[in-house]
Amino acid sequence: MNELKLFFQEHAFGVCSKLGEKLRFPIDSIRLFFIYSSFITLGSPVIIYVSLAMMMKIRKYFRRMNNPILFD
């Protein structure tokens, strides 16, 4: 079970981790909120999660474009 958890933590988008850092809230609680609210609302938080992940990737891309020396 730990191997599965580590796999998802390494290969996921990191939205819950980033929210936890910004809000200073436990990451596990945020993950559980997304999971439970997805079951209750039939998946609408998944749309929010994916949109946040896309925004994070776009911001990272633009940071690389503005400062290519640091990321080579």
N, C-alpha and C. Protein backbone atom coordinates (compact mmCIF):
# COMPACT_ATOMS: atom_id res chain seq x y z
N MET A 1 0.82 -1.20 0.00
CA MET A 1 0.00 0.00 0.00
C MET A 1 0.86 1.26 0.00
N ASN A 2 1.98 1.22 0.73
CA ASN A 2 2.88 2.38 0.76
C ASN A 2 3.49 2.64 -0.61
N GLU A 3 3.78 1.58 -1.36
CA GLU A 3 4.35 1.75 -2.69
C GLU A 3 3.37 2.47 -3.61
N LEU A 4 2.10 2.13 -3.51
CA LEU A 4 1.08 2.79 -4.32
C LEU A 4 0.96 4.26 -3.94
N LYS A 5 0.99 4.55 -2.66
CA LYS A 5 0.91 5.93 -2.20
C LYS A 5 2.12 6.73 -2.68
N LEU A 6 3.30 6.17 -2.58
CA LEU A 6 4.50 6.85 -3.05
C LEU A 6 4.47 7.07 -4.56
N PHE A 7 3.94 6.11 -5.30
CA PHE A 7 3.85 6.26 -6.75
C PHE A 7 2.97 7.45 -7.12
N PHE A 8 1.81 7.57 -6.49
CA PHE A 8 0.92 8.67 -6.80
C PHE A 8 1.47 10.00 -6.33
N GLN A 9 2.20 10.01 -5.22
CA GLN A 9 2.78 11.25 -4.74
C GLN A 9 3.87 11.74 -5.69
N GLU A 10 4.63 10.82 -6.27
CA GLU A 10 5.71 11.21 -7.17
C GLU A 10 5.22 11.58 -8.56
N HIS A 11 4.14 10.93 -9.03
CA HIS A 11 3.69 11.13 -10.40
C HIS A 11 2.42 11.97 -10.54
N ALA A 12 1.86 12.42 -9.44
CA ALA A 12 0.66 13.26 -9.51
C ALA A 12 1.08 14.69 -9.84
N PHE A 13 0.12 15.53 -10.05
CA PHE A 13 0.39 16.91 -10.44
C PHE A 13 0.90 17.78 -9.30
N GLY A 14 0.65 17.41 -8.08
CA GLY A 14 1.12 18.19 -6.94
C GLY A 14 0.20 19.32 -6.54
N VAL A 15 -1.04 19.26 -6.96
CA VAL A 15 -1.99 20.33 -6.64
C VAL A 15 -2.25 20.36 -5.14
N CYS A 16 -2.51 19.23 -4.54
CA CYS A 16 -2.80 19.19 -3.10
C CYS A 16 -1.58 19.63 -2.29
N SER A 17 -0.39 19.24 -2.72
CA SER A 17 0.82 19.66 -2.01
C SER A 17 1.00 21.16 -2.08
N LYS A 18 0.78 21.73 -3.24
CA LYS A 18 0.94 23.17 -3.42
C LYS A 18 -0.10 23.93 -2.59
N LEU A 19 -1.35 23.45 -2.61
CA LEU A 19 -2.39 24.08 -1.79
C LEU A 19 -2.07 23.98 -0.30
N GLY A 20 -1.55 22.83 0.11
CA GLY A 20 -1.18 22.65 1.51
C GLY A 20 -0.08 23.60 1.94
N GLU A 21 0.91 23.81 1.06
CA GLU A 21 1.99 24.73 1.38
C GLU A 21 1.48 26.17 1.46
N LYS A 22 0.65 26.55 0.50
CA LYS A 22 0.15 27.93 0.47
C LYS A 22 -0.78 28.22 1.65
N LEU A 23 -1.66 27.28 1.97
CA LEU A 23 -2.65 27.50 3.02
C LEU A 23 -2.16 27.06 4.40
N ARG A 24 -0.99 26.42 4.45
CA ARG A 24 -0.45 25.86 5.70
C ARG A 24 -1.46 24.92 6.35
N PHE A 25 -1.91 23.98 5.54
CA PHE A 25 -2.93 23.01 5.93
C PHE A 25 -2.38 21.63 5.63
N PRO A 26 -2.70 20.60 6.42
CA PRO A 26 -2.18 19.25 6.15
C PRO A 26 -2.58 18.74 4.77
N ILE A 27 -1.61 18.22 4.04
CA ILE A 27 -1.82 17.76 2.67
C ILE A 27 -2.80 16.59 2.63
N ASP A 28 -2.68 15.70 3.60
CA ASP A 28 -3.58 14.54 3.63
C ASP A 28 -5.04 14.96 3.77
N SER A 29 -5.29 16.00 4.54
CA SER A 29 -6.67 16.49 4.70
C SER A 29 -7.21 17.05 3.39
N ILE A 30 -6.37 17.75 2.65
CA ILE A 30 -6.79 18.29 1.37
C ILE A 30 -7.09 17.17 0.38
N ARG A 31 -6.24 16.16 0.36
CA ARG A 31 -6.46 15.01 -0.53
C ARG A 31 -7.77 14.30 -0.18
N LEU A 32 -8.00 14.09 1.10
CA LEU A 32 -9.25 13.43 1.51
C LEU A 32 -10.46 14.28 1.14
N PHE A 33 -10.34 15.60 1.27
CA PHE A 33 -11.44 16.47 0.87
C PHE A 33 -11.75 16.30 -0.61
N PHE A 34 -10.73 16.28 -1.46
CA PHE A 34 -10.96 16.08 -2.89
C PHE A 34 -11.60 14.72 -3.17
N ILE A 35 -11.13 13.70 -2.50
CA ILE A 35 -11.67 12.36 -2.74
C ILE A 35 -13.13 12.28 -2.30
N TYR A 36 -13.42 12.70 -1.07
CA TYR A 36 -14.79 12.61 -0.56
C TYR A 36 -15.75 13.51 -1.33
N SER A 37 -15.31 14.72 -1.64
CA SER A 37 -16.19 15.61 -2.37
C SER A 37 -16.42 15.12 -3.80
N SER A 38 -15.45 14.40 -4.36
CA SER A 38 -15.65 13.82 -5.70
C SER A 38 -16.73 12.75 -5.68
N PHE A 39 -16.74 11.94 -4.62
CA PHE A 39 -17.78 10.91 -4.52
C PHE A 39 -19.15 11.53 -4.27
N ILE A 40 -19.20 12.54 -3.44
CA ILE A 40 -20.48 13.15 -3.09
C ILE A 40 -21.08 13.92 -4.27
N THR A 41 -20.25 14.65 -4.99
CA THR A 41 -20.75 15.52 -6.07
C THR A 41 -20.56 14.91 -7.45
N LEU A 42 -20.28 13.64 -7.51
CA LEU A 42 -20.14 12.91 -8.77
C LEU A 42 -19.02 13.45 -9.67
N GLY A 43 -17.91 13.85 -9.06
CA GLY A 43 -16.72 14.15 -9.83
C GLY A 43 -16.44 15.60 -10.18
N SER A 44 -17.26 16.54 -9.74
CA SER A 44 -16.99 17.93 -10.11
C SER A 44 -15.68 18.47 -9.53
N PRO A 45 -15.20 18.07 -8.34
CA PRO A 45 -13.89 18.54 -7.89
C PRO A 45 -12.73 18.05 -8.77
N VAL A 46 -12.96 16.99 -9.50
CA VAL A 46 -11.91 16.52 -10.41
C VAL A 46 -11.65 17.57 -11.48
N ILE A 47 -12.69 18.25 -11.92
CA ILE A 47 -12.53 19.32 -12.91
C ILE A 47 -11.71 20.45 -12.31
N ILE A 48 -11.98 20.80 -11.08
CA ILE A 48 -11.22 21.85 -10.40
C ILE A 48 -9.77 21.42 -10.25
N TYR A 49 -9.55 20.17 -9.85
CA TYR A 49 -8.19 19.65 -9.68
C TYR A 49 -7.41 19.71 -10.99
N VAL A 50 -8.01 19.27 -12.06
CA VAL A 50 -7.32 19.26 -13.36
C VAL A 50 -7.05 20.68 -13.84
N SER A 51 -8.00 21.58 -13.63
CA SER A 51 -7.77 22.97 -14.05
C SER A 51 -6.65 23.61 -13.23
N LEU A 52 -6.58 23.33 -11.93
CA LEU A 52 -5.47 23.83 -11.12
C LEU A 52 -4.15 23.24 -11.57
N ALA A 53 -4.15 21.96 -11.91
CA ALA A 53 -2.92 21.32 -12.39
C ALA A 53 -2.46 21.95 -13.70
N MET A 54 -3.39 22.25 -14.58
CA MET A 54 -3.03 22.89 -15.85
C MET A 54 -2.48 24.29 -15.61
N MET A 55 -3.08 25.03 -14.69
CA MET A 55 -2.57 26.37 -14.39
C MET A 55 -1.16 26.31 -13.82
N MET A 56 -0.89 25.31 -12.98
CA MET A 56 0.45 25.16 -12.42
C MET A 56 1.47 24.84 -13.52
N LYS A 57 1.09 23.98 -14.45
CA LYS A 57 2.00 23.63 -15.54
C LYS A 57 2.26 24.83 -16.45
N ILE A 58 1.23 25.62 -16.71
CA ILE A 58 1.39 26.80 -17.56
C ILE A 58 2.30 27.82 -16.89
N ARG A 59 2.11 28.04 -15.59
CA ARG A 59 2.98 28.97 -14.86
C ARG A 59 4.42 28.51 -14.89
N LYS A 60 4.63 27.20 -14.72
CA LYS A 60 5.99 26.65 -14.76
C LYS A 60 6.61 26.84 -16.14
N TYR A 61 5.82 26.66 -17.18
CA TYR A 61 6.29 26.84 -18.55
C TYR A 61 6.71 28.29 -18.79
N PHE A 62 5.89 29.24 -18.35
CA PHE A 62 6.23 30.64 -18.54
C PHE A 62 7.44 31.06 -17.71
N ARG A 63 7.61 30.49 -16.56
CA ARG A 63 8.81 30.78 -15.77
C ARG A 63 10.05 30.29 -16.49
N ARG A 64 9.97 29.14 -17.12
CA ARG A 64 11.11 28.63 -17.89
C ARG A 64 11.39 29.53 -19.09
N MET A 65 10.35 30.04 -19.71
CA MET A 65 10.54 30.92 -20.87
C MET A 65 11.22 32.23 -20.46
N ASN A 66 10.89 32.75 -19.28
CA ASN A 66 11.46 34.00 -18.82
C ASN A 66 12.88 33.86 -18.30
N ASN A 67 13.24 32.69 -17.82
CA ASN A 67 14.56 32.48 -17.26
C ASN A 67 15.11 31.12 -17.69
N PRO A 68 15.51 30.96 -18.95
CA PRO A 68 15.94 29.66 -19.43
C PRO A 68 17.26 29.17 -18.85
N ILE A 69 18.07 30.04 -18.30
CA ILE A 69 19.37 29.63 -17.77
C ILE A 69 19.23 28.76 -16.53
N LEU A 70 18.27 29.07 -15.67
CA LEU A 70 18.10 28.32 -14.43
C LEU A 70 17.57 26.92 -14.64
N PHE A 71 16.86 26.65 -15.71
CA PHE A 71 16.20 25.36 -15.88
C PHE A 71 16.86 24.45 -16.90
N ASP A 72 18.02 24.83 -17.41
CA ASP A 72 18.70 23.95 -18.39
C ASP A 72 19.49 22.89 -17.73
